[in-house]
Amino acid sequence: MASPVTEAEVVRVRVAGKVNLSLRSGRRRPDGYHSLSTVFQAVSLYDEVDASWAPPGRFSVQVVGEQADQVPTGDDNLAVRAARLLARTWGAGKPLGADLVIRKSIPVAGGMAGGSADAAGALLACAVLWDLDISPDELRTLGARLGADVPFCLAGGTALGRGRGDELTSVLSRGTYHWVLAFSDGELSTPAVFARFDELGLGSDHLDVPDGLLNALVSGDVQALGRSLVNDLEPAALALRPQLSHLLEAGDDLGAVASMVSGSGPTVAFLAANEPAAVDLSVRLSSEGLCRAVKRVSGPVPGARLLV
């Protein structure tokens, strides 16, 4: 880790949200989890997490920015849980505490790993703040105890996730991919979407990455990538939020290469052919009035990174 930080200073980490290029899910297992095979891509929509010294045993969080009022600020906040877990596991009995500030841009319960991103940011920020002797691999292993998406939020880029999605293998990806994200009002909790997924009898024993997806990433072929996108959770998300179907259809009609629900939703991601096409799509989609906001992003981008 970096050199010790004095108690007057703040450590700031920027961490990206994600889209799932492929999300294949098995049936619910006896332990309550679902086996997953997913290809993550980190995109240029960021939260920032600040960590500063606090009295021993105090772990607080303040949340500002978009949808800040929808984020819990007690001990159930995932970033607070991350800081506490790090102190307990790697603090070697030191009297540690941290005051956290989260600046939100990634949608809350929007299928883009916003909570996991904040946990990843808190882990890295506090590790540097407290000058802990923990490696990136060890930090990702710890992150997996908080949530399946946390290790990827630390790593970023493009990666294949197996198991619960937390067993990562880097994926070669050439070029930059341009996305238009449509944010809906309200939330969709991941547990609720998986519950509907189970009710619908979905889930497969075959969790292979779609033919052509990895080749499309290697070659940088946007059209081939669009043909390979898949999200097994999309039918469950649409069952809970039927109006998202209109948003998907609108993106297709307005020239998106491909349209899909991002993760468990309700964010919808549209792949564009290039940056000018993304600009045009975002303007036209905004005029349709089918969502609360539209944002252009690109990927892949790095995972959690120190700013100050």
Protein backbone atom coordinates (compact mmCIF):
# COMPACT_ATOMS: atom_id res chain seq x y z
CA MET A 1 0.00 0.00 0.00
CA ALA A 2 0.92 3.65 -0.20
CA SER A 3 2.74 5.57 2.51
CA PRO A 4 0.79 6.38 5.69
CA VAL A 5 -1.76 9.18 5.46
CA THR A 6 -1.82 11.79 8.19
CA GLU A 7 -5.01 12.26 10.14
CA ALA A 8 -5.60 15.66 8.51
CA GLU A 9 -5.77 14.21 5.01
CA VAL A 10 -8.47 12.55 2.95
CA VAL A 11 -8.07 9.58 0.62
CA ARG A 12 -10.34 9.77 -2.44
CA VAL A 13 -11.07 6.81 -4.70
CA ARG A 14 -12.98 6.81 -7.98
CA VAL A 15 -14.78 3.60 -8.92
CA ALA A 16 -16.75 2.70 -12.04
CA GLY A 17 -20.11 1.07 -12.59
CA LYS A 18 -20.52 -1.92 -14.87
CA VAL A 19 -22.64 -3.50 -17.55
CA ASN A 20 -22.93 -7.25 -18.08
CA LEU A 21 -22.23 -8.13 -21.70
CA SER A 22 -23.34 -11.66 -20.92
CA LEU A 23 -25.19 -12.78 -17.82
CA ARG A 24 -26.12 -16.45 -17.65
CA SER A 25 -27.70 -17.82 -14.50
CA GLY A 26 -28.37 -21.32 -13.28
CA ARG A 27 -31.29 -22.39 -11.12
CA ARG A 28 -31.41 -21.55 -7.44
CA ARG A 29 -29.01 -23.78 -5.50
CA PRO A 30 -29.71 -25.36 -2.09
CA ASP A 31 -27.53 -22.65 -0.48
CA GLY A 32 -29.79 -19.96 -1.93
CA TYR A 33 -27.31 -18.68 -4.52
CA HIS A 34 -27.36 -19.04 -8.29
CA SER A 35 -24.34 -20.21 -10.28
CA LEU A 36 -23.40 -17.48 -12.73
CA SER A 37 -21.32 -16.99 -15.80
CA THR A 38 -20.97 -13.35 -16.73
CA VAL A 39 -18.76 -11.03 -18.74
CA PHE A 40 -18.41 -7.66 -17.01
CA GLN A 41 -17.36 -4.41 -18.61
CA ALA A 42 -16.55 -1.38 -16.45
CA VAL A 43 -17.92 1.85 -17.95
CA SER A 44 -17.23 5.54 -17.42
CA LEU A 45 -19.94 6.24 -14.87
CA TYR A 46 -18.30 6.83 -11.51
CA ASP A 47 -18.92 7.13 -7.81
CA GLU A 48 -16.26 8.70 -5.59
CA VAL A 49 -15.54 7.58 -2.03
CA ASP A 50 -13.60 9.72 0.46
CA ALA A 51 -12.13 8.25 3.63
CA SER A 52 -10.70 10.29 6.50
CA TRP A 53 -9.56 9.45 10.01
CA ALA A 54 -12.18 9.04 12.73
CA PRO A 55 -11.96 8.09 16.40
CA PRO A 56 -11.38 4.37 16.99
CA GLY A 57 -14.50 2.34 16.36
CA ARG A 58 -16.40 5.12 14.58
CA PHE A 59 -17.48 4.34 11.03
CA SER A 60 -19.78 6.94 9.52
CA VAL A 61 -20.97 7.71 6.00
CA GLN A 62 -22.42 10.74 4.27
CA VAL A 63 -23.96 10.34 0.81
CA VAL A 64 -24.32 13.19 -1.68
CA GLY A 65 -25.26 13.40 -5.34
CA GLU A 66 -27.89 11.66 -7.46
CA GLN A 67 -30.38 9.53 -5.50
CA ALA A 68 -28.42 10.15 -2.30
CA ASP A 69 -31.63 10.01 -0.28
CA GLN A 70 -32.13 6.39 -1.38
CA VAL A 71 -28.83 5.16 0.09
CA PRO A 72 -28.82 3.95 3.73
CA THR A 73 -26.37 5.75 6.00
CA GLY A 74 -26.33 3.38 8.95
CA ASP A 75 -24.37 0.24 9.64
CA ASP A 76 -26.17 -1.51 6.77
CA ASN A 77 -24.47 0.76 4.23
CA LEU A 78 -22.21 -1.49 2.17
CA ALA A 79 -19.29 0.94 2.25
CA VAL A 80 -19.48 1.10 6.07
CA ARG A 81 -19.62 -2.69 6.20
CA ALA A 82 -16.55 -2.79 3.94
CA ALA A 83 -14.58 -0.44 6.20
CA ARG A 84 -15.53 -2.40 9.31
CA LEU A 85 -14.63 -5.72 7.69
CA LEU A 86 -11.26 -4.39 6.55
CA ALA A 87 -10.45 -3.00 10.01
CA ARG A 88 -11.49 -6.21 11.73
CA THR A 89 -9.68 -8.54 9.31
CA TRP A 90 -6.52 -6.60 8.47
CA GLY A 91 -6.23 -3.98 11.19
CA ALA A 92 -4.06 -6.16 13.44
CA GLY A 93 -5.87 -4.86 16.49
CA LYS A 94 -5.13 -1.21 15.71
CA PRO A 95 -7.68 1.34 16.99
CA LEU A 96 -9.14 2.25 13.60
CA GLY A 97 -12.09 4.31 12.45
CA ALA A 98 -13.15 6.13 9.29
CA ASP A 99 -15.54 8.84 8.15
CA LEU A 100 -16.71 8.15 4.61
CA VAL A 101 -18.27 10.45 2.01
CA ILE A 102 -19.84 8.90 -1.10
CA ARG A 103 -20.54 11.01 -4.17
CA LYS A 104 -23.14 9.15 -6.21
CA SER A 105 -23.53 9.04 -9.98
CA ILE A 106 -24.08 5.29 -10.47
CA PRO A 107 -27.82 4.61 -10.11
CA VAL A 108 -29.07 3.08 -6.87
CA ALA A 109 -30.42 -0.47 -7.32
CA GLY A 110 -30.05 0.09 -11.04
CA GLY A 111 -28.26 -3.05 -12.16
CA MET A 112 -24.87 -1.34 -12.45
CA ALA A 113 -23.27 -2.44 -9.15
CA GLY A 114 -23.53 0.96 -7.47
CA GLY A 115 -23.46 -0.44 -3.93
CA SER A 116 -20.65 -2.84 -4.78
CA ALA A 117 -18.69 0.02 -6.34
CA ASP A 118 -18.99 2.01 -3.13
CA ALA A 119 -17.82 -0.99 -1.10
CA ALA A 120 -14.84 -1.40 -3.42
CA GLY A 121 -14.03 2.29 -3.10
CA ALA A 122 -14.23 2.12 0.70
CA LEU A 123 -11.93 -0.92 0.81
CA LEU A 124 -9.23 0.75 -1.26
CA ALA A 125 -9.58 4.17 0.39
CA CYS A 126 -9.41 2.77 3.92
CA ALA A 127 -6.53 0.41 3.09
CA VAL A 128 -4.50 3.42 1.98
CA LEU A 129 -5.73 5.66 4.80
CA TRP A 130 -4.68 3.11 7.41
CA ASP A 131 -1.52 2.02 5.50
CA LEU A 132 -2.47 -1.65 5.63
CA ASP A 133 -0.16 -4.30 4.18
CA ILE A 134 -2.77 -5.88 1.88
CA SER A 135 -2.28 -6.79 -1.78
CA PRO A 136 -4.80 -6.16 -4.58
CA ASP A 137 -5.59 -9.88 -4.76
CA GLU A 138 -6.19 -10.01 -1.01
CA LEU A 139 -8.40 -6.94 -1.24
CA ARG A 140 -10.50 -8.60 -3.95
CA THR A 141 -10.79 -11.79 -1.89
CA LEU A 142 -12.03 -9.73 1.04
CA GLY A 143 -14.42 -7.87 -1.24
CA ALA A 144 -16.06 -11.13 -2.30
CA ARG A 145 -17.27 -11.53 1.29
CA LEU A 146 -19.31 -8.34 0.84
CA GLY A 147 -20.86 -9.07 -2.54
CA ALA A 148 -20.27 -10.93 -5.78
CA ASP A 149 -19.67 -7.74 -7.81
CA VAL A 150 -17.17 -6.14 -5.42
CA PRO A 151 -14.05 -7.94 -6.75
CA PHE A 152 -14.82 -6.78 -10.29
CA CYS A 153 -15.44 -3.21 -9.15
CA LEU A 154 -11.93 -3.25 -7.68
CA ALA A 155 -10.42 -4.74 -10.84
CA GLY A 156 -12.38 -3.06 -13.65
CA GLY A 157 -11.68 -3.52 -17.33
CA THR A 158 -13.39 -6.52 -18.91
CA ALA A 159 -13.55 -9.84 -17.08
CA LEU A 160 -15.27 -13.20 -17.06
CA GLY A 161 -16.91 -13.98 -13.73
CA ARG A 162 -17.91 -17.46 -12.61
CA GLY A 163 -19.21 -19.02 -9.41
CA ARG A 164 -21.34 -16.24 -7.92
CA GLY A 165 -19.65 -13.88 -10.39
CA ASP A 166 -16.71 -13.26 -8.06
CA GLU A 167 -14.23 -15.73 -9.60
CA LEU A 168 -12.61 -13.44 -12.15
CA THR A 169 -10.53 -14.01 -15.26
CA SER A 170 -9.37 -11.04 -17.32
CA VAL A 171 -10.72 -10.87 -20.87
CA LEU A 172 -8.85 -9.31 -23.78
CA SER A 173 -10.89 -6.46 -25.23
CA ARG A 174 -9.77 -4.22 -28.08
CA GLY A 175 -11.16 -0.80 -28.79
CA THR A 176 -13.66 1.36 -26.96
CA TYR A 177 -17.36 0.60 -26.80
CA HIS A 178 -19.94 3.37 -26.59
CA TRP A 179 -23.09 2.95 -24.56
CA VAL A 180 -26.20 5.00 -23.91
CA LEU A 181 -27.74 4.31 -20.52
CA ALA A 182 -31.39 5.01 -19.77
CA PHE A 183 -32.19 5.46 -16.07
CA SER A 184 -35.71 4.72 -14.89
CA ASP A 185 -37.57 6.04 -11.88
CA GLY A 186 -37.58 3.67 -8.94
CA GLU A 187 -35.42 0.68 -8.19
CA LEU A 188 -35.27 -3.04 -8.80
CA SER A 189 -33.60 -5.01 -6.04
CA THR A 190 -31.40 -7.86 -7.17
CA PRO A 191 -32.98 -10.34 -4.70
CA ALA A 192 -36.47 -9.45 -6.02
CA VAL A 193 -35.38 -10.03 -9.62
CA PHE A 194 -33.80 -13.38 -8.77
CA ALA A 195 -36.96 -14.36 -6.87
CA ARG A 196 -39.08 -13.66 -9.97
CA PHE A 197 -36.45 -15.47 -12.06
CA ASP A 198 -37.06 -18.55 -9.89
CA GLU A 199 -40.84 -18.14 -10.02
CA LEU A 200 -40.69 -18.10 -13.82
CA GLY A 201 -38.73 -21.34 -13.80
CA LEU A 202 -35.79 -19.83 -15.59
CA GLY A 203 -32.20 -20.94 -15.24
CA SER A 204 -30.03 -23.27 -17.23
CA ASP A 205 -27.43 -25.94 -16.56
CA HIS A 206 -25.45 -24.55 -19.50
CA LEU A 207 -23.74 -21.31 -18.49
CA ASP A 208 -21.33 -20.90 -21.37
CA VAL A 209 -20.43 -17.46 -22.69
CA PRO A 210 -22.32 -16.96 -25.99
CA ASP A 211 -20.49 -18.08 -29.10
CA GLY A 212 -18.76 -15.12 -30.65
CA LEU A 213 -18.78 -12.73 -27.69
CA LEU A 214 -15.17 -13.20 -26.67
CA ASN A 215 -14.08 -13.19 -30.32
CA ALA A 216 -16.00 -9.96 -30.85
CA LEU A 217 -14.15 -8.34 -27.95
CA VAL A 218 -10.78 -9.54 -29.23
CA SER A 219 -11.46 -8.15 -32.70
CA GLY A 220 -13.24 -4.99 -31.52
CA ASP A 221 -16.26 -5.84 -33.70
CA VAL A 222 -19.17 -3.79 -32.33
CA GLN A 223 -21.79 -5.41 -34.54
CA ALA A 224 -20.70 -8.93 -33.56
CA LEU A 225 -20.70 -7.91 -29.90
CA GLY A 226 -24.25 -6.61 -30.26
CA ARG A 227 -25.40 -9.93 -31.65
CA SER A 228 -23.83 -11.76 -28.69
CA LEU A 229 -25.26 -9.75 -25.77
CA VAL A 230 -27.47 -11.80 -23.46
CA ASN A 231 -29.03 -11.34 -20.03
CA ASP A 232 -30.90 -14.27 -18.49
CA LEU A 233 -32.35 -11.92 -15.85
CA GLU A 234 -34.04 -9.67 -18.41
CA PRO A 235 -37.35 -11.61 -18.55
CA ALA A 236 -37.63 -11.41 -14.75
CA ALA A 237 -36.85 -7.68 -14.74
CA LEU A 238 -39.43 -7.08 -17.47
CA ALA A 239 -42.01 -9.10 -15.55
CA LEU A 240 -41.51 -6.77 -12.58
CA ARG A 241 -41.26 -3.61 -14.71
CA PRO A 242 -43.18 -4.21 -17.99
CA GLN A 243 -42.73 -0.61 -19.15
CA LEU A 244 -39.04 -1.33 -19.77
CA SER A 245 -40.12 -3.21 -22.90
CA HIS A 246 -41.13 0.10 -24.49
CA LEU A 247 -37.73 1.55 -23.67
CA LEU A 248 -35.93 -1.42 -25.25
CA GLU A 249 -38.07 -1.15 -28.37
CA ALA A 250 -37.44 2.59 -28.61
CA GLY A 251 -33.68 2.07 -28.53
CA ASP A 252 -33.88 -0.49 -31.30
CA ASP A 253 -36.07 1.81 -33.39
CA LEU A 254 -33.67 4.72 -32.85
CA GLY A 255 -30.65 2.86 -34.19
CA ALA A 256 -28.97 1.11 -31.29
CA VAL A 257 -26.78 -1.79 -32.32
CA ALA A 258 -28.28 -3.76 -29.42
CA SER A 259 -30.46 -3.08 -26.37
CA MET A 260 -30.58 -4.91 -23.05
CA VAL A 261 -31.51 -4.55 -19.41
CA SER A 262 -28.32 -3.97 -17.44
CA GLY A 263 -27.85 -6.68 -14.81
CA SER A 264 -30.97 -6.91 -12.68
CA GLY A 265 -32.24 -3.56 -13.99
CA PRO A 266 -34.02 -1.25 -14.26
CA THR A 267 -31.22 0.59 -16.11
CA VAL A 268 -31.35 -0.17 -19.84
CA ALA A 269 -28.10 -0.17 -21.83
CA PHE A 270 -27.93 0.55 -25.55
CA LEU A 271 -24.79 -0.32 -27.50
CA ALA A 272 -23.99 2.28 -30.16
CA ALA A 273 -21.91 1.80 -33.30
CA ASN A 274 -19.52 4.63 -32.40
CA GLU A 275 -19.34 7.89 -30.46
CA PRO A 276 -21.30 10.05 -32.96
CA ALA A 277 -24.00 7.39 -33.06
CA ALA A 278 -24.12 7.40 -29.26
CA VAL A 279 -24.53 11.19 -29.21
CA ASP A 280 -27.38 10.98 -31.72
CA LEU A 281 -29.06 8.12 -29.88
CA SER A 282 -28.85 9.87 -26.52
CA VAL A 283 -30.44 13.05 -27.89
CA ARG A 284 -33.25 11.19 -29.65
CA LEU A 285 -33.88 8.90 -26.70
CA SER A 286 -34.06 11.84 -24.30
CA SER A 287 -36.81 13.38 -26.41
CA GLU A 288 -38.96 10.25 -26.11
CA GLY A 289 -39.70 10.85 -22.41
CA LEU A 290 -39.54 7.16 -21.53
CA CYS A 291 -36.97 7.48 -18.73
CA ARG A 292 -35.87 9.96 -16.10
CA ALA A 293 -32.37 10.50 -17.52
CA VAL A 294 -30.01 9.41 -20.28
CA LYS A 295 -26.22 9.18 -20.01
CA ARG A 296 -23.48 8.40 -22.52
CA VAL A 297 -20.60 6.26 -21.27
CA SER A 298 -17.79 4.20 -22.73
CA GLY A 299 -15.83 1.14 -21.73
CA PRO A 300 -13.82 -0.65 -20.71
CA VAL A 301 -12.30 1.58 -18.03
CA PRO A 302 -10.15 0.74 -14.98
CA GLY A 303 -11.61 -0.29 -11.64
CA ALA A 304 -11.13 1.46 -8.30
CA ARG A 305 -8.35 4.07 -8.53
CA LEU A 306 -6.82 6.57 -6.13
CA LEU A 307 -7.43 10.23 -6.96
CA VAL A 308 -5.90 11.85 -3.86
